[in-house]
Amino acid sequence: MPKQGNRFQNFADFYPFYLAEHSNLTCRRLHFVGSTLALFCLFKLLTGAGLIWLLYGLLSGYAFAWVGHFFFEKNRPATFKHPLYSFMGDWVMYKDIITGKIQR
């Protein structure tokens, strides 16, 4: 069985759980907006706009995602129990939305 208690064997086992935690369309859209803003902030950081853009990127990414979870999905973000897999899931879901694999 892939899940043992509160742990997953690997990311491939985790990702279906992650998607189930993001079944609400508004929640996914908020994740997409937050991730896009985080990428913009990363661009600003890398082009020399200042270290403050790292903070802006983290705030925008998590703020939009958490609003989606608490007010629309009505669950706790997977980040609280699975921070690395959740971070990876954000970007795989972002790619899946861009490529049309997941509805946005």
PDB file of N, CA and C in Angstrom:
ATOM      1  N   MET A   1       0.851  -1.182   0.000  1.00  0.00           N
ATOM      2  CA  MET A   1       0.000   0.000   0.000  1.00  0.00           C
ATOM      3  C   MET A   1       0.896   1.245   0.000  1.00  0.00           C
ATOM      4  N   PRO A   2       0.644   2.248  -0.827  1.00  0.00           N
ATOM      5  CA  PRO A   2       1.542   3.392  -0.951  1.00  0.00           C
ATOM      6  C   PRO A   2       1.601   4.286   0.281  1.00  0.00           C
ATOM      7  N   LYS A   3       0.485   4.456   0.971  1.00  0.00           N
ATOM      8  CA  LYS A   3       0.463   5.355   2.129  1.00  0.00           C
ATOM      9  C   LYS A   3       0.625   4.541   3.401  1.00  0.00           C
ATOM     10  N   GLN A   4       1.561   4.952   4.244  1.00  0.00           N
ATOM     11  CA  GLN A   4       1.763   4.288   5.524  1.00  0.00           C
ATOM     12  C   GLN A   4       1.501   5.312   6.617  1.00  0.00           C
ATOM     13  N   GLY A   5       0.350   5.219   7.271  1.00  0.00           N
ATOM     14  CA  GLY A   5      -0.007   6.201   8.276  1.00  0.00           C
ATOM     15  C   GLY A   5      -0.188   7.551   7.624  1.00  0.00           C
ATOM     16  N   ASN A   6       0.693   8.462   7.948  1.00  0.00           N
ATOM     17  CA  ASN A   6       0.621   9.813   7.413  1.00  0.00           C
ATOM     18  C   ASN A   6       1.756  10.073   6.421  1.00  0.00           C
ATOM     19  N   ARG A   7       2.405   9.029   5.928  1.00  0.00           N
ATOM     20  CA  ARG A   7       3.560   9.153   5.046  1.00  0.00           C
ATOM     21  C   ARG A   7       3.262   8.523   3.689  1.00  0.00           C
ATOM     22  N   PHE A   8       3.903   9.051   2.683  1.00  0.00           N
ATOM     23  CA  PHE A   8       3.797   8.497   1.334  1.00  0.00           C
ATOM     24  C   PHE A   8       5.161   7.948   0.953  1.00  0.00           C
ATOM     25  N   GLN A   9       5.164   6.881   0.177  1.00  0.00           N
ATOM     26  CA  GLN A   9       6.415   6.254  -0.239  1.00  0.00           C
ATOM     27  C   GLN A   9       7.221   7.157  -1.169  1.00  0.00           C
ATOM     28  N   ASN A  10       6.511   7.898  -2.043  1.00  0.00           N
ATOM     29  CA  ASN A  10       7.186   8.760  -3.009  1.00  0.00           C
ATOM     30  C   ASN A  10       6.188   9.803  -3.525  1.00  0.00           C
ATOM     31  N   PHE A  11       6.679  10.706  -4.358  1.00  0.00           N
ATOM     32  CA  PHE A  11       5.826  11.763  -4.873  1.00  0.00           C
ATOM     33  C   PHE A  11       4.710  11.212  -5.761  1.00  0.00           C
ATOM     34  N   ALA A  12       4.992  10.185  -6.527  1.00  0.00           N
ATOM     35  CA  ALA A  12       3.961   9.586  -7.394  1.00  0.00           C
ATOM     36  C   ALA A  12       2.774   9.077  -6.571  1.00  0.00           C
ATOM     37  N   ASP A  13       3.032   8.581  -5.384  1.00  0.00           N
ATOM     38  CA  ASP A  13       1.956   8.142  -4.492  1.00  0.00           C
ATOM     39  C   ASP A  13       1.226   9.342  -3.887  1.00  0.00           C
ATOM     40  N   PHE A  14       1.935  10.421  -3.655  1.00  0.00           N
ATOM     41  CA  PHE A  14       1.373  11.610  -3.020  1.00  0.00           C
ATOM     42  C   PHE A  14       0.494  12.423  -3.967  1.00  0.00           C
ATOM     43  N   TYR A  15       0.876  12.517  -5.236  1.00  0.00           N
ATOM     44  CA  TYR A  15       0.226  13.451  -6.150  1.00  0.00           C
ATOM     45  C   TYR A  15      -1.287  13.212  -6.314  1.00  0.00           C
ATOM     46  N   PRO A  16      -1.782  11.981  -6.403  1.00  0.00           N
ATOM     47  CA  PRO A  16      -3.249  11.807  -6.450  1.00  0.00           C
ATOM     48  C   PRO A  16      -3.946  12.365  -5.203  1.00  0.00           C
ATOM     49  N   PHE A  17      -3.332  12.177  -4.035  1.00  0.00           N
ATOM     50  CA  PHE A  17      -3.860  12.769  -2.808  1.00  0.00           C
ATOM     51  C   PHE A  17      -3.863  14.288  -2.921  1.00  0.00           C
ATOM     52  N   TYR A  18      -2.769  14.848  -3.415  1.00  0.00           N
ATOM     53  CA  TYR A  18      -2.650  16.291  -3.585  1.00  0.00           C
ATOM     54  C   TYR A  18      -3.763  16.828  -4.489  1.00  0.00           C
ATOM     55  N   LEU A  19      -3.999  16.164  -5.604  1.00  0.00           N
ATOM     56  CA  LEU A  19      -5.055  16.601  -6.526  1.00  0.00           C
ATOM     57  C   LEU A  19      -6.430  16.512  -5.877  1.00  0.00           C
ATOM     58  N   ALA A  20      -6.662  15.483  -5.090  1.00  0.00           N
ATOM     59  CA  ALA A  20      -7.943  15.356  -4.388  1.00  0.00           C
ATOM     60  C   ALA A  20      -8.155  16.500  -3.402  1.00  0.00           C
ATOM     61  N   GLU A  21      -7.068  17.002  -2.841  1.00  0.00           N
ATOM     62  CA  GLU A  21      -7.144  18.138  -1.916  1.00  0.00           C
ATOM     63  C   GLU A  21      -7.337  19.468  -2.647  1.00  0.00           C
ATOM     64  N   HIS A  22      -7.327  19.428  -3.984  1.00  0.00           N
ATOM     65  CA  HIS A  22      -7.488  20.620  -4.822  1.00  0.00           C
ATOM     66  C   HIS A  22      -8.597  20.407  -5.849  1.00  0.00           C
ATOM     67  N   SER A  23      -9.692  19.815  -5.419  1.00  0.00           N
ATOM     68  CA  SER A  23     -10.782  19.509  -6.347  1.00  0.00           C
ATOM     69  C   SER A  23     -11.638  20.727  -6.673  1.00  0.00           C
ATOM     70  N   ASN A  24     -11.622  21.739  -5.813  1.00  0.00           N
ATOM     71  CA  ASN A  24     -12.408  22.949  -6.034  1.00  0.00           C
ATOM     72  C   ASN A  24     -11.739  23.834  -7.083  1.00  0.00           C
ATOM     73  N   LEU A  25     -12.501  24.227  -8.101  1.00  0.00           N
ATOM     74  CA  LEU A  25     -11.966  25.013  -9.206  1.00  0.00           C
ATOM     75  C   LEU A  25     -11.413  26.360  -8.742  1.00  0.00           C
ATOM     76  N   THR A  26     -12.100  27.023  -7.843  1.00  0.00           N
ATOM     77  CA  THR A  26     -11.625  28.320  -7.344  1.00  0.00           C
ATOM     78  C   THR A  26     -10.314  28.159  -6.593  1.00  0.00           C
ATOM     79  N   CYS A  27     -10.194  27.103  -5.821  1.00  0.00           N
ATOM     80  CA  CYS A  27      -8.948  26.836  -5.096  1.00  0.00           C
ATOM     81  C   CYS A  27      -7.794  26.654  -6.085  1.00  0.00           C
ATOM     82  N   ARG A  28      -8.021  25.863  -7.129  1.00  0.00           N
ATOM     83  CA  ARG A  28      -6.966  25.660  -8.139  1.00  0.00           C
ATOM     84  C   ARG A  28      -6.615  26.975  -8.826  1.00  0.00           C
ATOM     85  N   ARG A  29      -7.616  27.786  -9.129  1.00  0.00           N
ATOM     86  CA  ARG A  29      -7.357  29.074  -9.773  1.00  0.00           C
ATOM     87  C   ARG A  29      -6.548  29.993  -8.870  1.00  0.00           C
ATOM     88  N   LEU A  30      -6.870  29.996  -7.588  1.00  0.00           N
ATOM     89  CA  LEU A  30      -6.101  30.809  -6.646  1.00  0.00           C
ATOM     90  C   LEU A  30      -4.662  30.310  -6.555  1.00  0.00           C
ATOM     91  N   HIS A  31      -4.468  29.006  -6.555  1.00  0.00           N
ATOM     92  CA  HIS A  31      -3.107  28.447  -6.580  1.00  0.00           C
ATOM     93  C   HIS A  31      -2.362  28.922  -7.820  1.00  0.00           C
ATOM     94  N   PHE A  32      -3.042  28.885  -8.954  1.00  0.00           N
ATOM     95  CA  PHE A  32      -2.416  29.285 -10.208  1.00  0.00           C
ATOM     96  C   PHE A  32      -2.001  30.755 -10.168  1.00  0.00           C
ATOM     97  N   VAL A  33      -2.886  31.616  -9.677  1.00  0.00           N
ATOM     98  CA  VAL A  33      -2.553  33.044  -9.565  1.00  0.00           C
ATOM     99  C   VAL A  33      -1.383  33.242  -8.611  1.00  0.00           C
ATOM    100  N   GLY A  34      -1.426  32.602  -7.441  1.00  0.00           N
ATOM    101  CA  GLY A  34      -0.349  32.734  -6.473  1.00  0.00           C
ATOM    102  C   GLY A  34       0.985  32.244  -7.011  1.00  0.00           C
ATOM    103  N   SER A  35       0.962  31.128  -7.726  1.00  0.00           N
ATOM    104  CA  SER A  35       2.200  30.594  -8.309  1.00  0.00           C
ATOM    105  C   SER A  35       2.739  31.515  -9.403  1.00  0.00           C
ATOM    106  N   THR A  36       1.844  32.073 -10.202  1.00  0.00           N
ATOM    107  CA  THR A  36       2.269  32.999 -11.252  1.00  0.00           C
ATOM    108  C   THR A  36       2.897  34.249 -10.634  1.00  0.00           C
ATOM    109  N   LEU A  37       2.280  34.773  -9.592  1.00  0.00           N
ATOM    110  CA  LEU A  37       2.859  35.930  -8.899  1.00  0.00           C
ATOM    111  C   LEU A  37       4.203  35.576  -8.269  1.00  0.00           C
ATOM    112  N   ALA A  38       4.306  34.373  -7.725  1.00  0.00           N
ATOM    113  CA  ALA A  38       5.579  33.935  -7.139  1.00  0.00           C
ATOM    114  C   ALA A  38       6.671  33.862  -8.209  1.00  0.00           C
ATOM    115  N   LEU A  39       6.328  33.387  -9.394  1.00  0.00           N
ATOM    116  CA  LEU A  39       7.304  33.359 -10.493  1.00  0.00           C
ATOM    117  C   LEU A  39       7.723  34.765 -10.898  1.00  0.00           C
ATOM    118  N   PHE A  40       6.778  35.688 -10.927  1.00  0.00           N
ATOM    119  CA  PHE A  40       7.108  37.081 -11.231  1.00  0.00           C
ATOM    120  C   PHE A  40       8.067  37.631 -10.180  1.00  0.00           C
ATOM    121  N   CYS A  41       7.796  37.350  -8.921  1.00  0.00           N
ATOM    122  CA  CYS A  41       8.670  37.817  -7.843  1.00  0.00           C
ATOM    123  C   CYS A  41      10.058  37.195  -7.948  1.00  0.00           C
ATOM    124  N   LEU A  42      10.131  35.933  -8.324  1.00  0.00           N
ATOM    125  CA  LEU A  42      11.422  35.280  -8.527  1.00  0.00           C
ATOM    126  C   LEU A  42      12.185  35.966  -9.657  1.00  0.00           C
ATOM    127  N   PHE A  43      11.489  36.305 -10.726  1.00  0.00           N
ATOM    128  CA  PHE A  43      12.111  37.033 -11.833  1.00  0.00           C
ATOM    129  C   PHE A  43      12.677  38.369 -11.342  1.00  0.00           C
ATOM    130  N   LYS A  44      11.881  39.095 -10.555  1.00  0.00           N
ATOM    131  CA  LYS A  44      12.337  40.381 -10.008  1.00  0.00           C
ATOM    132  C   LYS A  44      13.576  40.177  -9.131  1.00  0.00           C
ATOM    133  N   LEU A  45      13.560  39.157  -8.309  1.00  0.00           N
ATOM    134  CA  LEU A  45      14.690  38.851  -7.436  1.00  0.00           C
ATOM    135  C   LEU A  45      15.944  38.567  -8.266  1.00  0.00           C
ATOM    136  N   LEU A  46      15.795  37.743  -9.277  1.00  0.00           N
ATOM    137  CA  LEU A  46      16.946  37.338 -10.087  1.00  0.00           C
ATOM    138  C   LEU A  46      17.471  38.458 -10.982  1.00  0.00           C
ATOM    139  N   THR A  47      16.652  39.469 -11.244  1.00  0.00           N
ATOM    140  CA  THR A  47      17.100  40.587 -12.071  1.00  0.00           C
ATOM    141  C   THR A  47      17.603  41.753 -11.221  1.00  0.00           C
ATOM    142  N   GLY A  48      17.798  41.497  -9.932  1.00  0.00           N
ATOM    143  CA  GLY A  48      18.443  42.480  -9.072  1.00  0.00           C
ATOM    144  C   GLY A  48      17.538  43.493  -8.418  1.00  0.00           C
ATOM    145  N   ALA A  49      16.252  43.220  -8.351  1.00  0.00           N
ATOM    146  CA  ALA A  49      15.317  44.183  -7.760  1.00  0.00           C
ATOM    147  C   ALA A  49      15.375  44.202  -6.232  1.00  0.00           C
ATOM    148  N   GLY A  50      16.080  43.273  -5.633  1.00  0.00           N
ATOM    149  CA  GLY A  50      16.225  43.267  -4.184  1.00  0.00           C
ATOM    150  C   GLY A  50      15.713  41.989  -3.549  1.00  0.00           C
ATOM    151  N   LEU A  51      16.279  41.683  -2.405  1.00  0.00           N
ATOM    152  CA  LEU A  51      15.944  40.462  -1.674  1.00  0.00           C
ATOM    153  C   LEU A  51      14.498  40.463  -1.174  1.00  0.00           C
ATOM    154  N   ILE A  52      13.897  41.631  -1.041  1.00  0.00           N
ATOM    155  CA  ILE A  52      12.512  41.728  -0.573  1.00  0.00           C
ATOM    156  C   ILE A  52      11.567  40.948  -1.481  1.00  0.00           C
ATOM    157  N   TRP A  53      11.946  40.765  -2.758  1.00  0.00           N
ATOM    158  CA  TRP A  53      11.089  40.038  -3.694  1.00  0.00           C
ATOM    159  C   TRP A  53      10.987  38.555  -3.348  1.00  0.00           C
ATOM    160  N   LEU A  54      11.952  38.023  -2.610  1.00  0.00           N
ATOM    161  CA  LEU A  54      11.839  36.655  -2.114  1.00  0.00           C
ATOM    162  C   LEU A  54      10.670  36.562  -1.132  1.00  0.00           C
ATOM    163  N   LEU A  55      10.597  37.525  -0.238  1.00  0.00           N
ATOM    164  CA  LEU A  55       9.488  37.574   0.719  1.00  0.00           C
ATOM    165  C   LEU A  55       8.161  37.755  -0.007  1.00  0.00           C
ATOM    166  N   TYR A  56       8.119  38.657  -0.961  1.00  0.00           N
ATOM    167  CA  TYR A  56       6.887  38.876  -1.733  1.00  0.00           C
ATOM    168  C   TYR A  56       6.452  37.592  -2.441  1.00  0.00           C
ATOM    169  N   GLY A  57       7.404  36.872  -2.985  1.00  0.00           N
ATOM    170  CA  GLY A  57       7.085  35.631  -3.677  1.00  0.00           C
ATOM    171  C   GLY A  57       6.492  34.588  -2.748  1.00  0.00           C
ATOM    172  N   LEU A  58       7.096  34.420  -1.583  1.00  0.00           N
ATOM    173  CA  LEU A  58       6.571  33.459  -0.606  1.00  0.00           C
ATOM    174  C   LEU A  58       5.188  33.866  -0.129  1.00  0.00           C
ATOM    175  N   LEU A  59       5.030  35.151   0.171  1.00  0.00           N
ATOM    176  CA  LEU A  59       3.726  35.636   0.652  1.00  0.00           C
ATOM    177  C   LEU A  59       2.637  35.469  -0.402  1.00  0.00           C
ATOM    178  N   SER A  60       2.934  35.845  -1.624  1.00  0.00           N
ATOM    179  CA  SER A  60       1.896  35.754  -2.656  1.00  0.00           C
ATOM    180  C   SER A  60       1.535  34.298  -2.943  1.00  0.00           C
ATOM    181  N   GLY A  61       2.530  33.450  -3.038  1.00  0.00           N
ATOM    182  CA  GLY A  61       2.251  32.041  -3.308  1.00  0.00           C
ATOM    183  C   GLY A  61       1.404  31.398  -2.229  1.00  0.00           C
ATOM    184  N   TYR A  62       1.809  31.560  -0.984  1.00  0.00           N
ATOM    185  CA  TYR A  62       1.082  30.918   0.108  1.00  0.00           C
ATOM    186  C   TYR A  62      -0.236  31.604   0.426  1.00  0.00           C
ATOM    187  N   ALA A  63      -0.310  32.920   0.339  1.00  0.00           N
ATOM    188  CA  ALA A  63      -1.554  33.635   0.672  1.00  0.00           C
ATOM    189  C   ALA A  63      -2.693  33.192  -0.244  1.00  0.00           C
ATOM    190  N   PHE A  64      -2.448  33.181  -1.538  1.00  0.00           N
ATOM    191  CA  PHE A  64      -3.500  32.771  -2.464  1.00  0.00           C
ATOM    192  C   PHE A  64      -3.889  31.311  -2.243  1.00  0.00           C
ATOM    193  N   ALA A  65      -2.903  30.452  -2.043  1.00  0.00           N
ATOM    194  CA  ALA A  65      -3.184  29.028  -1.834  1.00  0.00           C
ATOM    195  C   ALA A  65      -4.002  28.817  -0.564  1.00  0.00           C
ATOM    196  N   TRP A  66      -3.624  29.478   0.503  1.00  0.00           N
ATOM    197  CA  TRP A  66      -4.317  29.259   1.768  1.00  0.00           C
ATOM    198  C   TRP A  66      -5.728  29.824   1.755  1.00  0.00           C
ATOM    199  N   VAL A  67      -5.940  30.935   1.073  1.00  0.00           N
ATOM    200  CA  VAL A  67      -7.310  31.439   0.911  1.00  0.00           C
ATOM    201  C   VAL A  67      -8.141  30.385   0.179  1.00  0.00           C
ATOM    202  N   GLY A  68      -7.564  29.798  -0.855  1.00  0.00           N
ATOM    203  CA  GLY A  68      -8.261  28.743  -1.588  1.00  0.00           C
ATOM    204  C   GLY A  68      -8.643  27.566  -0.720  1.00  0.00           C
ATOM    205  N   HIS A  69      -7.727  27.161   0.143  1.00  0.00           N
ATOM    206  CA  HIS A  69      -8.004  26.010   1.007  1.00  0.00           C
ATOM    207  C   HIS A  69      -9.000  26.341   2.110  1.00  0.00           C
ATOM    208  N   PHE A  70      -8.780  27.430   2.813  1.00  0.00           N
ATOM    209  CA  PHE A  70      -9.612  27.719   3.973  1.00  0.00           C
ATOM    210  C   PHE A  70     -11.022  28.172   3.606  1.00  0.00           C
ATOM    211  N   PHE A  71     -11.190  28.895   2.498  1.00  0.00           N
ATOM    212  CA  PHE A  71     -12.498  29.461   2.173  1.00  0.00           C
ATOM    213  C   PHE A  71     -13.242  28.724   1.066  1.00  0.00           C
ATOM    214  N   PHE A  72     -12.551  28.022   0.200  1.00  0.00           N
ATOM    215  CA  PHE A  72     -13.223  27.361  -0.912  1.00  0.00           C
ATOM    216  C   PHE A  72     -13.130  25.838  -0.828  1.00  0.00           C
ATOM    217  N   GLU A  73     -11.952  25.323  -0.612  1.00  0.00           N
ATOM    218  CA  GLU A  73     -11.775  23.878  -0.507  1.00  0.00           C
ATOM    219  C   GLU A  73     -12.227  23.385   0.859  1.00  0.00           C
ATOM    220  N   LYS A  74     -12.115  24.250   1.858  1.00  0.00           N
ATOM    221  CA  LYS A  74     -12.483  23.957   3.255  1.00  0.00           C
ATOM    222  C   LYS A  74     -11.698  22.769   3.821  1.00  0.00           C
ATOM    223  N   ASN A  75     -10.392  22.816   3.581  1.00  0.00           N
ATOM    224  CA  ASN A  75      -9.493  21.814   4.160  1.00  0.00           C
ATOM    225  C   ASN A  75      -8.184  22.495   4.556  1.00  0.00           C
ATOM    226  N   ARG A  76      -7.339  21.749   5.212  1.00  0.00           N
ATOM    227  CA  ARG A  76      -6.030  22.279   5.595  1.00  0.00           C
ATOM    228  C   ARG A  76      -5.038  22.006   4.478  1.00  0.00           C
ATOM    229  N   PRO A  77      -4.206  22.994   4.142  1.00  0.00           N
ATOM    230  CA  PRO A  77      -3.219  22.771   3.076  1.00  0.00           C
ATOM    231  C   PRO A  77      -2.302  21.589   3.394  1.00  0.00           C
ATOM    232  N   ALA A  78      -1.982  20.830   2.361  1.00  0.00           N
ATOM    233  CA  ALA A  78      -1.086  19.681   2.523  1.00  0.00           C
ATOM    234  C   ALA A  78       0.303  20.121   2.983  1.00  0.00           C
ATOM    235  N   THR A  79       0.625  21.397   2.802  1.00  0.00           N
ATOM    236  CA  THR A  79       1.918  21.946   3.226  1.00  0.00           C
ATOM    237  C   THR A  79       2.176  21.691   4.705  1.00  0.00           C
ATOM    238  N   PHE A  80       1.124  21.669   5.502  1.00  0.00           N
ATOM    239  CA  PHE A  80       1.293  21.516   6.942  1.00  0.00           C
ATOM    240  C   PHE A  80       1.845  20.148   7.321  1.00  0.00           C
ATOM    241  N   LYS A  81       1.493  19.111   6.566  1.00  0.00           N
ATOM    242  CA  LYS A  81       1.978  17.768   6.898  1.00  0.00           C
ATOM    243  C   LYS A  81       3.025  17.241   5.919  1.00  0.00           C
ATOM    244  N   HIS A  82       3.013  17.754   4.701  1.00  0.00           N
ATOM    245  CA  HIS A  82       3.913  17.253   3.651  1.00  0.00           C
ATOM    246  C   HIS A  82       4.511  18.438   2.889  1.00  0.00           C
ATOM    247  N   PRO A  83       5.373  19.233   3.526  1.00  0.00           N
ATOM    248  CA  PRO A  83       5.841  20.473   2.892  1.00  0.00           C
ATOM    249  C   PRO A  83       6.589  20.286   1.574  1.00  0.00           C
ATOM    250  N   LEU A  84       7.486  19.326   1.479  1.00  0.00           N
ATOM    251  CA  LEU A  84       8.252  19.156   0.248  1.00  0.00           C
ATOM    252  C   LEU A  84       7.374  18.619  -0.880  1.00  0.00           C
ATOM    253  N   TYR A  85       6.629  17.559  -0.613  1.00  0.00           N
ATOM    254  CA  TYR A  85       5.751  17.001  -1.635  1.00  0.00           C
ATOM    255  C   TYR A  85       4.685  18.015  -2.051  1.00  0.00           C
ATOM    256  N   SER A  86       4.207  18.795  -1.109  1.00  0.00           N
ATOM    257  CA  SER A  86       3.205  19.810  -1.426  1.00  0.00           C
ATOM    258  C   SER A  86       3.783  20.878  -2.352  1.00  0.00           C
ATOM    259  N   PHE A  87       4.997  21.311  -2.057  1.00  0.00           N
ATOM    260  CA  PHE A  87       5.664  22.298  -2.914  1.00  0.00           C
ATOM    261  C   PHE A  87       5.847  21.733  -4.324  1.00  0.00           C
ATOM    262  N   MET A  88       6.276  20.479  -4.389  1.00  0.00           N
ATOM    263  CA  MET A  88       6.431  19.833  -5.691  1.00  0.00           C
ATOM    264  C   MET A  88       5.076  19.716  -6.398  1.00  0.00           C
ATOM    265  N   GLY A  89       4.047  19.370  -5.634  1.00  0.00           N
ATOM    266  CA  GLY A  89       2.709  19.241  -6.193  1.00  0.00           C
ATOM    267  C   GLY A  89       2.187  20.547  -6.766  1.00  0.00           C
ATOM    268  N   ASP A  90       2.516  21.661  -6.096  1.00  0.00           N
ATOM    269  CA  ASP A  90       2.102  22.975  -6.612  1.00  0.00           C
ATOM    270  C   ASP A  90       2.595  23.178  -8.037  1.00  0.00           C
ATOM    271  N   TRP A  91       3.849  22.838  -8.263  1.00  0.00           N
ATOM    272  CA  TRP A  91       4.443  23.112  -9.577  1.00  0.00           C
ATOM    273  C   TRP A  91       4.038  22.085 -10.618  1.00  0.00           C
ATOM    274  N   VAL A  92       3.807  20.843 -10.205  1.00  0.00           N
ATOM    275  CA  VAL A  92       3.300  19.856 -11.159  1.00  0.00           C
ATOM    276  C   VAL A  92       1.865  20.230 -11.546  1.00  0.00           C
ATOM    277  N   MET A  93       1.053  20.637 -10.571  1.00  0.00           N
ATOM    278  CA  MET A  93      -0.311  21.059 -10.874  1.00  0.00           C
ATOM    279  C   MET A  93      -0.297  22.305 -11.760  1.00  0.00           C
ATOM    280  N   TYR A  94       0.613  23.230 -11.511  1.00  0.00           N
ATOM    281  CA  TYR A  94       0.751  24.432 -12.341  1.00  0.00           C
ATOM    282  C   TYR A  94       1.021  24.035 -13.795  1.00  0.00           C
ATOM    283  N   LYS A  95       1.963  23.122 -13.971  1.00  0.00           N
ATOM    284  CA  LYS A  95       2.274  22.629 -15.322  1.00  0.00           C
ATOM    285  C   LYS A  95       1.072  21.928 -15.934  1.00  0.00           C
ATOM    286  N   ASP A  96       0.369  21.123 -15.142  1.00  0.00           N
ATOM    287  CA  ASP A  96      -0.794  20.400 -15.649  1.00  0.00           C
ATOM    288  C   ASP A  96      -1.924  21.358 -16.039  1.00  0.00           C
ATOM    289  N   ILE A  97      -2.049  22.471 -15.338  1.00  0.00           N
ATOM    290  CA  ILE A  97      -3.047  23.478 -15.704  1.00  0.00           C
ATOM    291  C   ILE A  97      -2.648  24.154 -17.013  1.00  0.00           C
ATOM    292  N   ILE A  98      -1.383  24.544 -17.128  1.00  0.00           N
ATOM    293  CA  ILE A  98      -0.907  25.206 -18.344  1.00  0.00           C
ATOM    294  C   ILE A  98      -1.075  24.308 -19.567  1.00  0.00           C
ATOM    295  N   THR A  99      -0.791  23.034 -19.396  1.00  0.00           N
ATOM    296  CA  THR A  99      -0.865  22.100 -20.533  1.00  0.00           C
ATOM    297  C   THR A  99      -2.270  21.595 -20.801  1.00  0.00           C
ATOM    298  N   GLY A 100      -3.235  21.971 -19.964  1.00  0.00           N
ATOM    299  CA  GLY A 100      -4.620  21.578 -20.167  1.00  0.00           C
ATOM    300  C   GLY A 100      -4.988  20.218 -19.593  1.00  0.00           C
ATOM    301  N   LYS A 101      -4.074  19.611 -18.880  1.00  0.00           N
ATOM    302  CA  LYS A 101      -4.348  18.295 -18.268  1.00  0.00           C
ATOM    303  C   LYS A 101      -5.348  18.440 -17.114  1.00  0.00           C
ATOM    304  N   ILE A 102      -5.327  19.610 -16.471  1.00  0.00           N
ATOM    305  CA  ILE A 102      -6.250  19.919 -15.388  1.00  0.00           C
ATOM    306  C   ILE A 102      -7.006  21.185 -15.769  1.00  0.00           C
ATOM    307  N   GLN A 103      -8.305  21.191 -15.496  1.00  0.00           N
ATOM    308  CA  GLN A 103      -9.122  22.371 -15.813  1.00  0.00           C
ATOM    309  C   GLN A 103      -8.722  23.554 -14.952  1.00  0.00           C
ATOM    310  N   ARG A 104      -8.677  24.736 -15.590  1.00  0.00           N
ATOM    311  CA  ARG A 104      -8.442  25.935 -14.790  1.00  0.00           C
ATOM    312  C   ARG A 104      -9.628  26.777 -14.821  1.00  0.00           C
TER     313      ARG A 104
END
